[in-house]
Amino acid sequence: MFHVNMECLKQRKRFSKKNSNNHLLFFVILSLFSSRCQPFFSKVRYFYKLFHNEKKRATKICNAR
């Protein structure tokens, strides 16, 4: 049981590290897009959904173990 939790923590740590990199990427892409004058809100929603799905997937992997 303890080992599973450790794996879970590792997975979560890896995800949070990856997520901080994604946030940087997120702003770069956002600035690229905003030069095309797309509506800001829809972009944010799209990226939020992306991040959220990734987080859910990480949790699912966690729970499956």
Protein backbone atom coordinates (compact mmCIF):
# COMPACT_ATOMS: atom_id res chain seq x y z
CA MET A 1 0.00 0.00 0.00
CA PHE A 2 2.78 2.41 0.93
CA HIS A 3 4.61 1.74 -2.33
CA VAL A 4 1.50 2.61 -4.34
CA ASN A 5 1.24 5.92 -2.51
CA MET A 6 4.87 6.70 -3.22
CA GLU A 7 4.31 6.05 -6.92
CA CYS A 8 1.29 8.28 -6.77
CA LEU A 9 3.28 11.09 -5.18
CA LYS A 10 6.01 10.73 -7.76
CA GLN A 11 3.43 10.90 -10.53
CA ARG A 12 1.87 13.99 -8.98
CA LYS A 13 5.25 15.67 -8.52
CA ARG A 14 6.19 14.95 -12.11
CA PHE A 15 2.87 16.38 -13.23
CA SER A 16 3.26 19.61 -11.25
CA LYS A 17 6.77 20.07 -12.62
CA LYS A 18 5.49 19.53 -16.14
CA ASN A 19 2.59 21.86 -15.45
CA SER A 20 4.83 24.80 -14.55
CA ASN A 21 6.61 24.35 -17.89
CA ASN A 22 3.23 24.22 -19.59
CA HIS A 23 2.26 27.54 -18.05
CA LEU A 24 5.27 29.17 -19.66
CA LEU A 25 4.41 27.56 -22.98
CA PHE A 26 0.82 28.60 -22.44
CA PHE A 27 1.73 32.29 -22.25
CA VAL A 28 4.02 32.08 -25.27
CA ILE A 29 1.29 30.48 -27.36
CA LEU A 30 -1.23 32.94 -26.00
CA SER A 31 0.87 35.91 -27.06
CA LEU A 32 1.30 34.37 -30.51
CA PHE A 33 -2.44 33.88 -30.83
CA SER A 34 -3.35 37.32 -29.53
CA SER A 35 -1.45 38.87 -32.43
CA ARG A 36 -4.13 37.28 -34.61
CA CYS A 37 -6.86 38.98 -32.55
CA GLN A 38 -8.75 35.86 -31.57
CA PRO A 39 -11.17 36.22 -28.66
CA PHE A 40 -9.15 35.91 -25.49
CA PHE A 41 -11.75 34.08 -23.44
CA SER A 42 -12.17 31.10 -25.77
CA LYS A 43 -8.40 30.63 -25.81
CA VAL A 44 -8.20 30.57 -22.05
CA ARG A 45 -11.06 28.09 -21.86
CA TYR A 46 -9.40 25.86 -24.43
CA PHE A 47 -6.09 25.80 -22.58
CA TYR A 48 -7.77 25.33 -19.23
CA LYS A 49 -9.59 22.32 -20.62
CA LEU A 50 -6.28 20.95 -21.88
CA PHE A 51 -4.62 21.33 -18.47
CA HIS A 52 -7.65 19.91 -16.70
CA ASN A 53 -7.77 16.82 -18.91
CA GLU A 54 -4.08 16.23 -18.34
CA LYS A 55 -4.57 16.47 -14.58
CA LYS A 56 -7.52 14.07 -14.71
CA ARG A 57 -5.45 11.59 -16.71
CA ALA A 58 -2.64 11.75 -14.17
CA THR A 59 -5.13 11.13 -11.37
CA LYS A 60 -6.67 8.22 -13.26
CA ILE A 61 -3.25 6.60 -13.70
CA CYS A 62 -2.69 7.19 -10.00
CA ASN A 63 -5.94 5.52 -8.98
CA ALA A 64 -5.47 2.56 -11.31
CA ARG A 65 -2.21 1.54 -9.59
